[in-house]
Amino acid sequence: MTWTVNFSNKAAKQVKTLPARIAERLDALRIKIEAIGPVQVALPHFGKLKNWPGETYHCHLSKGRPTYVAVWQVENNDVQVVEVIYVGTHEKAPY
């Protein structure tokens, strides 16, 4: 069974401002989450965010400066829905 990946309104707006290569990496992340699920241990700097409600994860989409990150959380484990809540630079990440 595949996972459904949704983007919050904020994240959908942030995607439009990303450089093309970062947007491509985010799309690859979306495809991986749909196929495998929200836990993506092979991604660079992947981790579960502590002190966040539920299952919230992040990973780096690029190296160097600026470093781009994605943050997503499991909305419903039974129905297998994940929502991307932030995509942007590491400096402005909500953690």
PDB file of N, CA and C in Angstrom:
ATOM      1  N   MET A   1       0.844  -1.181   0.000  1.00  0.00           N
ATOM      2  CA  MET A   1       0.000   0.000   0.000  1.00  0.00           C
ATOM      3  C   MET A   1       0.882   1.236   0.000  1.00  0.00           C
ATOM      4  N   THR A   2       0.535   2.207  -0.815  1.00  0.00           N
ATOM      5  CA  THR A   2       1.342   3.412  -0.926  1.00  0.00           C
ATOM      6  C   THR A   2       0.856   4.484   0.045  1.00  0.00           C
ATOM      7  N   TRP A   3       1.753   5.414   0.326  1.00  0.00           N
ATOM      8  CA  TRP A   3       1.443   6.542   1.186  1.00  0.00           C
ATOM      9  C   TRP A   3       0.988   7.716   0.334  1.00  0.00           C
ATOM     10  N   THR A   4       0.157   8.571   0.899  1.00  0.00           N
ATOM     11  CA  THR A   4      -0.277   9.802   0.239  1.00  0.00           C
ATOM     12  C   THR A   4       0.512  10.947   0.838  1.00  0.00           C
ATOM     13  N   VAL A   5       1.100  11.785  -0.009  1.00  0.00           N
ATOM     14  CA  VAL A   5       1.881  12.929   0.459  1.00  0.00           C
ATOM     15  C   VAL A   5       1.149  14.205   0.066  1.00  0.00           C
ATOM     16  N   ASN A   6       0.779  14.993   1.071  1.00  0.00           N
ATOM     17  CA  ASN A   6       0.139  16.287   0.864  1.00  0.00           C
ATOM     18  C   ASN A   6       1.106  17.387   1.276  1.00  0.00           C
ATOM     19  N   PHE A   7       0.883  18.582   0.753  1.00  0.00           N
ATOM     20  CA  PHE A   7       1.672  19.740   1.134  1.00  0.00           C
ATOM     21  C   PHE A   7       0.755  20.729   1.835  1.00  0.00           C
ATOM     22  N   SER A   8       1.205  21.247   2.981  1.00  0.00           N
ATOM     23  CA  SER A   8       0.425  22.285   3.652  1.00  0.00           C
ATOM     24  C   SER A   8       0.395  23.514   2.743  1.00  0.00           C
ATOM     25  N   ASN A   9      -0.508  24.435   3.009  1.00  0.00           N
ATOM     26  CA  ASN A   9      -0.585  25.657   2.198  1.00  0.00           C
ATOM     27  C   ASN A   9       0.741  26.402   2.210  1.00  0.00           C
ATOM     28  N   LYS A  10       1.356  26.492   3.378  1.00  0.00           N
ATOM     29  CA  LYS A  10       2.638  27.188   3.513  1.00  0.00           C
ATOM     30  C   LYS A  10       3.717  26.495   2.685  1.00  0.00           C
ATOM     31  N   ALA A  11       3.798  25.174   2.791  1.00  0.00           N
ATOM     32  CA  ALA A  11       4.816  24.422   2.057  1.00  0.00           C
ATOM     33  C   ALA A  11       4.587  24.511   0.549  1.00  0.00           C
ATOM     34  N   ALA A  12       3.339  24.497   0.118  1.00  0.00           N
ATOM     35  CA  ALA A  12       3.040  24.610  -1.324  1.00  0.00           C
ATOM     36  C   ALA A  12       3.534  25.943  -1.870  1.00  0.00           C
ATOM     37  N   LYS A  13       3.394  27.003  -1.092  1.00  0.00           N
ATOM     38  CA  LYS A  13       3.901  28.317  -1.511  1.00  0.00           C
ATOM     39  C   LYS A  13       5.423  28.323  -1.526  1.00  0.00           C
ATOM     40  N   GLN A  14       6.040  27.666  -0.549  1.00  0.00           N
ATOM     41  CA  GLN A  14       7.503  27.622  -0.473  1.00  0.00           C
ATOM     42  C   GLN A  14       8.098  26.857  -1.651  1.00  0.00           C
ATOM     43  N   VAL A  15       7.414  25.831  -2.115  1.00  0.00           N
ATOM     44  CA  VAL A  15       7.911  25.030  -3.240  1.00  0.00           C
ATOM     45  C   VAL A  15       8.076  25.902  -4.481  1.00  0.00           C
ATOM     46  N   LYS A  16       7.183  26.840  -4.677  1.00  0.00           N
ATOM     47  CA  LYS A  16       7.229  27.702  -5.863  1.00  0.00           C
ATOM     48  C   LYS A  16       8.459  28.593  -5.887  1.00  0.00           C
ATOM     49  N   THR A  17       9.077  28.847  -4.740  1.00  0.00           N
ATOM     50  CA  THR A  17      10.240  29.730  -4.671  1.00  0.00           C
ATOM     51  C   THR A  17      11.571  28.977  -4.659  1.00  0.00           C
ATOM     52  N   LEU A  18      11.528  27.652  -4.676  1.00  0.00           N
ATOM     53  CA  LEU A  18      12.754  26.856  -4.616  1.00  0.00           C
ATOM     54  C   LEU A  18      13.511  26.890  -5.935  1.00  0.00           C
ATOM     55  N   PRO A  19      14.849  26.812  -5.881  1.00  0.00           N
ATOM     56  CA  PRO A  19      15.627  26.614  -7.113  1.00  0.00           C
ATOM     57  C   PRO A  19      15.231  25.289  -7.757  1.00  0.00           C
ATOM     58  N   ALA A  20      15.407  25.187  -9.055  1.00  0.00           N
ATOM     59  CA  ALA A  20      14.960  24.008  -9.807  1.00  0.00           C
ATOM     60  C   ALA A  20      15.581  22.714  -9.282  1.00  0.00           C
ATOM     61  N   ARG A  21      16.867  22.718  -8.972  1.00  0.00           N
ATOM     62  CA  ARG A  21      17.524  21.480  -8.522  1.00  0.00           C
ATOM     63  C   ARG A  21      17.001  21.035  -7.160  1.00  0.00           C
ATOM     64  N   ILE A  22      16.626  21.975  -6.307  1.00  0.00           N
ATOM     65  CA  ILE A  22      16.074  21.634  -4.993  1.00  0.00           C
ATOM     66  C   ILE A  22      14.651  21.114  -5.158  1.00  0.00           C
ATOM     67  N   ALA A  23      13.889  21.718  -6.067  1.00  0.00           N
ATOM     68  CA  ALA A  23      12.531  21.251  -6.334  1.00  0.00           C
ATOM     69  C   ALA A  23      12.551  19.816  -6.867  1.00  0.00           C
ATOM     70  N   GLU A  24      13.552  19.488  -7.686  1.00  0.00           N
ATOM     71  CA  GLU A  24      13.681  18.121  -8.197  1.00  0.00           C
ATOM     72  C   GLU A  24      13.984  17.136  -7.063  1.00  0.00           C
ATOM     73  N   ARG A  25      14.834  17.538  -6.136  1.00  0.00           N
ATOM     74  CA  ARG A  25      15.151  16.672  -4.997  1.00  0.00           C
ATOM     75  C   ARG A  25      13.940  16.491  -4.092  1.00  0.00           C
ATOM     76  N   LEU A  26      13.151  17.546  -3.932  1.00  0.00           N
ATOM     77  CA  LEU A  26      11.930  17.440  -3.134  1.00  0.00           C
ATOM     78  C   LEU A  26      10.947  16.488  -3.801  1.00  0.00           C
ATOM     79  N   ASP A  27      10.851  16.539  -5.119  1.00  0.00           N
ATOM     80  CA  ASP A  27       9.967  15.629  -5.836  1.00  0.00           C
ATOM     81  C   ASP A  27      10.442  14.185  -5.676  1.00  0.00           C
ATOM     82  N   ALA A  28      11.756  13.976  -5.692  1.00  0.00           N
ATOM     83  CA  ALA A  28      12.302  12.635  -5.472  1.00  0.00           C
ATOM     84  C   ALA A  28      11.980  12.153  -4.056  1.00  0.00           C
ATOM     85  N   LEU A  29      12.053  13.065  -3.072  1.00  0.00           N
ATOM     86  CA  LEU A  29      11.691  12.720  -1.695  1.00  0.00           C
ATOM     87  C   LEU A  29      10.222  12.340  -1.619  1.00  0.00           C
ATOM     88  N   ARG A  30       9.370  13.092  -2.288  1.00  0.00           N
ATOM     89  CA  ARG A  30       7.931  12.794  -2.303  1.00  0.00           C
ATOM     90  C   ARG A  30       7.691  11.387  -2.852  1.00  0.00           C
ATOM     91  N   ILE A  31       8.356  11.043  -3.928  1.00  0.00           N
ATOM     92  CA  ILE A  31       8.192   9.727  -4.551  1.00  0.00           C
ATOM     93  C   ILE A  31       8.666   8.618  -3.600  1.00  0.00           C
ATOM     94  N   LYS A  32       9.786   8.861  -2.901  1.00  0.00           N
ATOM     95  CA  LYS A  32      10.292   7.869  -1.947  1.00  0.00           C
ATOM     96  C   LYS A  32       9.329   7.673  -0.784  1.00  0.00           C
ATOM     97  N   ILE A  33       8.775   8.768  -0.275  1.00  0.00           N
ATOM     98  CA  ILE A  33       7.829   8.658   0.838  1.00  0.00           C
ATOM     99  C   ILE A  33       6.580   7.914   0.396  1.00  0.00           C
ATOM    100  N   GLU A  34       6.096   8.201  -0.812  1.00  0.00           N
ATOM    101  CA  GLU A  34       4.914   7.494  -1.323  1.00  0.00           C
ATOM    102  C   GLU A  34       5.168   5.999  -1.436  1.00  0.00           C
ATOM    103  N   ALA A  35       6.375   5.623  -1.847  1.00  0.00           N
ATOM    104  CA  ALA A  35       6.681   4.211  -2.074  1.00  0.00           C
ATOM    105  C   ALA A  35       7.039   3.455  -0.796  1.00  0.00           C
ATOM    106  N   ILE A  36       7.834   4.089   0.077  1.00  0.00           N
ATOM    107  CA  ILE A  36       8.387   3.379   1.228  1.00  0.00           C
ATOM    108  C   ILE A  36       7.741   3.786   2.548  1.00  0.00           C
ATOM    109  N   GLY A  37       7.397   5.073   2.662  1.00  0.00           N
ATOM    110  CA  GLY A  37       6.844   5.583   3.909  1.00  0.00           C
ATOM    111  C   GLY A  37       7.655   6.750   4.435  1.00  0.00           C
ATOM    112  N   PRO A  38       7.259   7.302   5.572  1.00  0.00           N
ATOM    113  CA  PRO A  38       7.880   8.528   6.069  1.00  0.00           C
ATOM    114  C   PRO A  38       9.289   8.362   6.637  1.00  0.00           C
ATOM    115  N   VAL A  39       9.693   7.173   7.018  1.00  0.00           N
ATOM    116  CA  VAL A  39      11.026   6.962   7.586  1.00  0.00           C
ATOM    117  C   VAL A  39      11.998   6.712   6.441  1.00  0.00           C
ATOM    118  N   GLN A  40      12.901   7.671   6.222  1.00  0.00           N
ATOM    119  CA  GLN A  40      13.839   7.624   5.102  1.00  0.00           C
ATOM    120  C   GLN A  40      15.278   7.702   5.616  1.00  0.00           C
ATOM    121  N   VAL A  41      15.743   6.649   6.255  1.00  0.00           N
ATOM    122  CA  VAL A  41      17.045   6.660   6.919  1.00  0.00           C
ATOM    123  C   VAL A  41      18.223   6.847   5.970  1.00  0.00           C
ATOM    124  N   ALA A  42      18.056   6.593   4.681  1.00  0.00           N
ATOM    125  CA  ALA A  42      19.159   6.727   3.731  1.00  0.00           C
ATOM    126  C   ALA A  42      19.398   8.180   3.311  1.00  0.00           C
ATOM    127  N   LEU A  43      18.515   9.078   3.660  1.00  0.00           N
ATOM    128  CA  LEU A  43      18.657  10.477   3.259  1.00  0.00           C
ATOM    129  C   LEU A  43      19.660  11.203   4.144  1.00  0.00           C
ATOM    130  N   PRO A  44      20.321  12.235   3.595  1.00  0.00           N
ATOM    131  CA  PRO A  44      21.312  12.965   4.389  1.00  0.00           C
ATOM    132  C   PRO A  44      20.675  13.729   5.544  1.00  0.00           C
ATOM    133  N   HIS A  45      21.251  13.568   6.713  1.00  0.00           N
ATOM    134  CA  HIS A  45      20.805  14.252   7.935  1.00  0.00           C
ATOM    135  C   HIS A  45      19.341  13.994   8.248  1.00  0.00           C
ATOM    136  N   PHE A  46      18.863  12.798   7.911  1.00  0.00           N
ATOM    137  CA  PHE A  46      17.492  12.430   8.254  1.00  0.00           C
ATOM    138  C   PHE A  46      17.383  12.268   9.754  1.00  0.00           C
ATOM    139  N   GLY A  47      16.266  12.699  10.303  1.00  0.00           N
ATOM    140  CA  GLY A  47      16.057  12.497  11.726  1.00  0.00           C
ATOM    141  C   GLY A  47      14.631  12.789  12.141  1.00  0.00           C
ATOM    142  N   LYS A  48      14.261  12.211  13.253  1.00  0.00           N
ATOM    143  CA  LYS A  48      12.959  12.487  13.849  1.00  0.00           C
ATOM    144  C   LYS A  48      13.130  13.719  14.724  1.00  0.00           C
ATOM    145  N   LEU A  49      12.212  14.660  14.607  1.00  0.00           N
ATOM    146  CA  LEU A  49      12.291  15.874  15.405  1.00  0.00           C
ATOM    147  C   LEU A  49      11.707  15.625  16.783  1.00  0.00           C
ATOM    148  N   LYS A  50      12.495  15.888  17.783  1.00  0.00           N
ATOM    149  CA  LYS A  50      12.040  15.713  19.162  1.00  0.00           C
ATOM    150  C   LYS A  50      11.248  16.952  19.570  1.00  0.00           C
ATOM    151  N   ASN A  51      10.419  16.803  20.569  1.00  0.00           N
ATOM    152  CA  ASN A  51       9.586  17.887  21.091  1.00  0.00           C
ATOM    153  C   ASN A  51       8.584  18.399  20.061  1.00  0.00           C
ATOM    154  N   TRP A  52       8.256  17.563  19.099  1.00  0.00           N
ATOM    155  CA  TRP A  52       7.222  17.871  18.114  1.00  0.00           C
ATOM    156  C   TRP A  52       6.107  16.850  18.313  1.00  0.00           C
ATOM    157  N   PRO A  53       4.875  17.244  18.045  1.00  0.00           N
ATOM    158  CA  PRO A  53       3.777  16.286  18.215  1.00  0.00           C
ATOM    159  C   PRO A  53       3.834  15.177  17.171  1.00  0.00           C
ATOM    160  N   GLY A  54       3.534  13.980  17.597  1.00  0.00           N
ATOM    161  CA  GLY A  54       3.446  12.848  16.670  1.00  0.00           C
ATOM    162  C   GLY A  54       4.779  12.501  16.034  1.00  0.00           C
ATOM    163  N   GLU A  55       4.681  11.969  14.837  1.00  0.00           N
ATOM    164  CA  GLU A  55       5.867  11.566  14.079  1.00  0.00           C
ATOM    165  C   GLU A  55       6.225  12.670  13.099  1.00  0.00           C
ATOM    166  N   THR A  56       7.248  13.450  13.419  1.00  0.00           N
ATOM    167  CA  THR A  56       7.703  14.537  12.563  1.00  0.00           C
ATOM    168  C   THR A  56       9.161  14.302  12.218  1.00  0.00           C
ATOM    169  N   TYR A  57       9.488  14.383  10.923  1.00  0.00           N
ATOM    170  CA  TYR A  57      10.828  14.078  10.433  1.00  0.00           C
ATOM    171  C   TYR A  57      11.357  15.217   9.592  1.00  0.00           C
ATOM    172  N   HIS A  58      12.681  15.214   9.379  1.00  0.00           N
ATOM    173  CA  HIS A  58      13.284  16.191   8.476  1.00  0.00           C
ATOM    174  C   HIS A  58      14.500  15.570   7.797  1.00  0.00           C
ATOM    175  N   CYS A  59      14.930  16.187   6.706  1.00  0.00           N
ATOM    176  CA  CYS A  59      16.176  15.809   6.050  1.00  0.00           C
ATOM    177  C   CYS A  59      16.688  17.006   5.262  1.00  0.00           C
ATOM    178  N   HIS A  60      17.965  16.953   4.916  1.00  0.00           N
ATOM    179  CA  HIS A  60      18.566  18.001   4.105  1.00  0.00           C
ATOM    180  C   HIS A  60      18.370  17.657   2.632  1.00  0.00           C
ATOM    181  N   LEU A  61      18.014  18.651   1.850  1.00  0.00           N
ATOM    182  CA  LEU A  61      17.866  18.464   0.412  1.00  0.00           C
ATOM    183  C   LEU A  61      19.118  18.898  -0.334  1.00  0.00           C
ATOM    184  N   SER A  62      20.005  19.651   0.340  1.00  0.00           N
ATOM    185  CA  SER A  62      21.242  20.103  -0.289  1.00  0.00           C
ATOM    186  C   SER A  62      22.311  20.293   0.773  1.00  0.00           C
ATOM    187  N   LYS A  63      23.553  20.382   0.312  1.00  0.00           N
ATOM    188  CA  LYS A  63      24.683  20.666   1.182  1.00  0.00           C
ATOM    189  C   LYS A  63      25.128  22.104   0.928  1.00  0.00           C
ATOM    190  N   GLY A  64      26.000  22.600   1.770  1.00  0.00           N
ATOM    191  CA  GLY A  64      26.559  23.927   1.556  1.00  0.00           C
ATOM    192  C   GLY A  64      25.642  25.028   2.057  1.00  0.00           C
ATOM    193  N   ARG A  65      25.847  26.195   1.508  1.00  0.00           N
ATOM    194  CA  ARG A  65      25.059  27.366   1.906  1.00  0.00           C
ATOM    195  C   ARG A  65      24.357  27.939   0.702  1.00  0.00           C
ATOM    196  N   PRO A  66      23.095  28.172   0.763  1.00  0.00           N
ATOM    197  CA  PRO A  66      22.226  27.795   1.870  1.00  0.00           C
ATOM    198  C   PRO A  66      21.867  26.309   1.807  1.00  0.00           C
ATOM    199  N   THR A  67      21.668  25.727   2.947  1.00  0.00           N
ATOM    200  CA  THR A  67      21.229  24.339   3.047  1.00  0.00           C
ATOM    201  C   THR A  67      19.705  24.326   3.041  1.00  0.00           C
ATOM    202  N   TYR A  68      19.124  23.536   2.155  1.00  0.00           N
ATOM    203  CA  TYR A  68      17.671  23.425   2.087  1.00  0.00           C
ATOM    204  C   TYR A  68      17.227  22.163   2.820  1.00  0.00           C
ATOM    205  N   VAL A  69      16.121  22.266   3.541  1.00  0.00           N
ATOM    206  CA  VAL A  69      15.589  21.145   4.309  1.00  0.00           C
ATOM    207  C   VAL A  69      14.102  20.962   4.007  1.00  0.00           C
ATOM    208  N   ALA A  70      13.629  19.774   4.303  1.00  0.00           N
ATOM    209  CA  ALA A  70      12.197  19.470   4.220  1.00  0.00           C
ATOM    210  C   ALA A  70      11.775  18.899   5.566  1.00  0.00           C
ATOM    211  N   VAL A  71      10.582  19.280   6.007  1.00  0.00           N
ATOM    212  CA  VAL A  71      10.018  18.774   7.260  1.00  0.00           C
ATOM    213  C   VAL A  71       8.646  18.197   6.936  1.00  0.00           C
ATOM    214  N   TRP A  72       8.397  16.959   7.386  1.00  0.00           N
ATOM    215  CA  TRP A  72       7.105  16.329   7.141  1.00  0.00           C
ATOM    216  C   TRP A  72       6.644  15.589   8.378  1.00  0.00           C
ATOM    217  N   GLN A  73       5.338  15.374   8.481  1.00  0.00           N
ATOM    218  CA  GLN A  73       4.804  14.647   9.622  1.00  0.00           C
ATOM    219  C   GLN A  73       3.702  13.703   9.173  1.00  0.00           C
ATOM    220  N   VAL A  74       3.571  12.621   9.921  1.00  0.00           N
ATOM    221  CA  VAL A  74       2.545  11.630   9.637  1.00  0.00           C
ATOM    222  C   VAL A  74       1.222  12.180  10.151  1.00  0.00           C
ATOM    223  N   GLU A  75       0.271  12.337   9.259  1.00  0.00           N
ATOM    224  CA  GLU A  75      -1.045  12.847   9.630  1.00  0.00           C
ATOM    225  C   GLU A  75      -1.952  11.721  10.110  1.00  0.00           C
ATOM    226  N   ASN A  76      -1.883  10.581   9.415  1.00  0.00           N
ATOM    227  CA  ASN A  76      -2.736   9.455   9.767  1.00  0.00           C
ATOM    228  C   ASN A  76      -2.004   8.168   9.402  1.00  0.00           C
ATOM    229  N   ASN A  77      -1.610   7.416  10.406  1.00  0.00           N
ATOM    230  CA  ASN A  77      -0.863   6.183  10.174  1.00  0.00           C
ATOM    231  C   ASN A  77      -1.738   5.077   9.595  1.00  0.00           C
ATOM    232  N   ASP A  78      -3.020   5.060   9.946  1.00  0.00           N
ATOM    233  CA  ASP A  78      -3.917   4.020   9.451  1.00  0.00           C
ATOM    234  C   ASP A  78      -4.193   4.175   7.952  1.00  0.00           C
ATOM    235  N   VAL A  79      -4.408   5.399   7.534  1.00  0.00           N
ATOM    236  CA  VAL A  79      -4.711   5.668   6.127  1.00  0.00           C
ATOM    237  C   VAL A  79      -3.431   5.950   5.344  1.00  0.00           C
ATOM    238  N   GLN A  80      -2.321   6.093   6.036  1.00  0.00           N
ATOM    239  CA  GLN A  80      -1.002   6.346   5.464  1.00  0.00           C
ATOM    240  C   GLN A  80      -0.955   7.682   4.716  1.00  0.00           C
ATOM    241  N   VAL A  81      -1.118   8.761   5.492  1.00  0.00           N
ATOM    242  CA  VAL A  81      -1.063  10.116   4.939  1.00  0.00           C
ATOM    243  C   VAL A  81       0.072  10.877   5.614  1.00  0.00           C
ATOM    244  N   VAL A  82       0.909  11.524   4.800  1.00  0.00           N
ATOM    245  CA  VAL A  82       2.019  12.342   5.278  1.00  0.00           C
ATOM    246  C   VAL A  82       1.806  13.754   4.744  1.00  0.00           C
ATOM    247  N   GLU A  83       2.111  14.768   5.579  1.00  0.00           N
ATOM    248  CA  GLU A  83       2.003  16.155   5.126  1.00  0.00           C
ATOM    249  C   GLU A  83       3.358  16.828   5.250  1.00  0.00           C
ATOM    250  N   VAL A  84       3.824  17.423   4.145  1.00  0.00           N
ATOM    251  CA  VAL A  84       5.044  18.226   4.162  1.00  0.00           C
ATOM    252  C   VAL A  84       4.648  19.580   4.728  1.00  0.00           C
ATOM    253  N   ILE A  85       5.313  19.995   5.825  1.00  0.00           N
ATOM    254  CA  ILE A  85       4.908  21.233   6.486  1.00  0.00           C
ATOM    255  C   ILE A  85       5.907  22.368   6.294  1.00  0.00           C
ATOM    256  N   TYR A  86       7.135  22.069   5.827  1.00  0.00           N
ATOM    257  CA  TYR A  86       8.117  23.124   5.582  1.00  0.00           C
ATOM    258  C   TYR A  86       9.111  22.663   4.536  1.00  0.00           C
ATOM    259  N   VAL A  87       9.438  23.570   3.623  1.00  0.00           N
ATOM    260  CA  VAL A  87      10.495  23.356   2.647  1.00  0.00           C
ATOM    261  C   VAL A  87      11.191  24.691   2.479  1.00  0.00           C
ATOM    262  N   GLY A  88      12.462  24.731   2.766  1.00  0.00           N
ATOM    263  CA  GLY A  88      13.195  25.993   2.633  1.00  0.00           C
ATOM    264  C   GLY A  88      14.578  25.884   3.235  1.00  0.00           C
ATOM    265  N   THR A  89      15.157  27.039   3.522  1.00  0.00           N
ATOM    266  CA  THR A  89      16.517  27.057   4.042  1.00  0.00           C
ATOM    267  C   THR A  89      16.561  26.601   5.485  1.00  0.00           C
ATOM    268  N   HIS A  90      17.689  26.057   5.857  1.00  0.00           N
ATOM    269  CA  HIS A  90      17.896  25.546   7.203  1.00  0.00           C
ATOM    270  C   HIS A  90      17.778  26.666   8.239  1.00  0.00           C
ATOM    271  N   GLU A  91      18.214  27.863   7.867  1.00  0.00           N
ATOM    272  CA  GLU A  91      18.202  28.989   8.791  1.00  0.00           C
ATOM    273  C   GLU A  91      16.789  29.375   9.226  1.00  0.00           C
ATOM    274  N   LYS A  92      15.809  29.172   8.375  1.00  0.00           N
ATOM    275  CA  LYS A  92      14.425  29.552   8.688  1.00  0.00           C
ATOM    276  C   LYS A  92      13.544  28.367   9.080  1.00  0.00           C
ATOM    277  N   ALA A  93      14.153  27.188   9.225  1.00  0.00           N
ATOM    278  CA  ALA A  93      13.391  25.982   9.564  1.00  0.00           C
ATOM    279  C   ALA A  93      12.726  26.135  10.932  1.00  0.00           C
ATOM    280  N   PRO A  94      11.546  25.584  11.086  1.00  0.00           N
ATOM    281  CA  PRO A  94      10.790  25.783  12.329  1.00  0.00           C
ATOM    282  C   PRO A  94      11.205  24.870  13.484  1.00  0.00           C
ATOM    283  N   TYR A  95      12.433  24.450  13.531  1.00  0.00           N
ATOM    284  CA  TYR A  95      12.908  23.622  14.637  1.00  0.00           C
ATOM    285  C   TYR A  95      14.145  24.197  15.246  1.00  0.00           C
TER     286      TYR A  95
END
